[in-house]
Amino acid sequence: MQSFSTDETLSNVSPHLLDILTGLQRQREELGSVADELIDLFREHGVALPPETEGEPPVKPCSG
């Protein structure tokens, strides 16, 4: 699996899409391969999540 991109990729993403990606990231264990496939699909279209850091939310939606 490819590594995630930097926050620069997320700067052009709507807050609603960031909410969806955040939910997918949080529920990867429960959703299993479905979440991985959806994240890969977003990645193929240029949208990727930054790497998770312990104690921080995986994606920080911008207000707008």
Protein backbone atom coordinates (compact mmCIF):
# COMPACT_ATOMS: atom_id res chain seq x y z
CA MET A 1 0.00 0.00 0.00
CA GLN A 2 1.27 3.48 -0.86
CA SER A 3 2.19 5.99 1.80
CA PHE A 4 -0.07 8.96 2.43
CA SER A 5 0.68 12.37 1.00
CA THR A 6 1.32 15.60 2.88
CA ASP A 7 -1.20 18.19 4.07
CA GLU A 8 -0.73 20.08 0.78
CA THR A 9 -3.02 17.57 -0.93
CA LEU A 10 -5.71 18.21 1.68
CA SER A 11 -5.69 21.99 1.28
CA ASN A 12 -7.94 21.82 -1.81
CA VAL A 13 -10.40 19.32 -0.34
CA SER A 14 -13.82 20.40 0.94
CA PRO A 15 -14.56 20.09 4.66
CA HIS A 16 -17.34 17.59 3.86
CA LEU A 17 -14.91 15.28 2.06
CA LEU A 18 -12.45 15.62 4.93
CA ASP A 19 -15.23 14.52 7.31
CA ILE A 20 -15.82 11.43 5.15
CA LEU A 21 -12.12 10.62 5.00
CA THR A 22 -11.78 11.12 8.75
CA GLY A 23 -14.65 8.69 9.36
CA LEU A 24 -13.10 6.13 7.03
CA GLN A 25 -9.76 6.44 8.79
CA ARG A 26 -11.35 6.06 12.24
CA GLN A 27 -13.42 3.03 11.23
CA ARG A 28 -10.83 1.19 9.12
CA GLU A 29 -10.68 -1.69 11.57
CA GLU A 30 -14.46 -2.15 11.62
CA LEU A 31 -14.95 -1.64 7.87
CA GLY A 32 -11.91 -3.67 6.86
CA SER A 33 -11.17 -3.87 3.16
CA VAL A 34 -14.11 -1.62 2.25
CA ALA A 35 -12.44 1.36 3.95
CA ASP A 36 -9.08 0.50 2.40
CA GLU A 37 -10.61 0.31 -1.08
CA LEU A 38 -12.39 3.66 -0.66
CA ILE A 39 -9.24 5.33 0.64
CA ASP A 40 -7.29 3.87 -2.30
CA LEU A 41 -9.94 5.19 -4.69
CA PHE A 42 -9.60 8.69 -3.24
CA ARG A 43 -5.81 8.35 -3.42
CA GLU A 44 -6.00 7.42 -7.13
CA HIS A 45 -7.82 10.72 -7.69
CA GLY A 46 -5.21 12.77 -5.85
CA VAL A 47 -6.77 12.88 -2.38
CA ALA A 48 -4.82 11.16 0.38
CA LEU A 49 -4.72 11.32 4.13
CA PRO A 50 -1.62 12.40 6.04
CA PRO A 51 0.01 9.79 8.27
CA GLU A 52 -1.65 9.38 11.66
CA THR A 53 0.18 10.70 14.68
CA GLU A 54 -0.60 9.36 18.11
CA GLY A 55 -2.99 11.55 20.07
CA GLU A 56 -4.07 13.69 17.11
CA PRO A 57 -7.05 13.27 14.81
CA PRO A 58 -5.98 11.76 11.46
CA VAL A 59 -7.45 14.62 9.42
CA LYS A 60 -8.08 18.17 10.56
CA PRO A 61 -10.96 19.65 8.51
CA CYS A 62 -10.60 23.33 7.73
CA SER A 63 -13.47 25.62 8.60
CA GLY A 64 -15.23 27.11 5.66
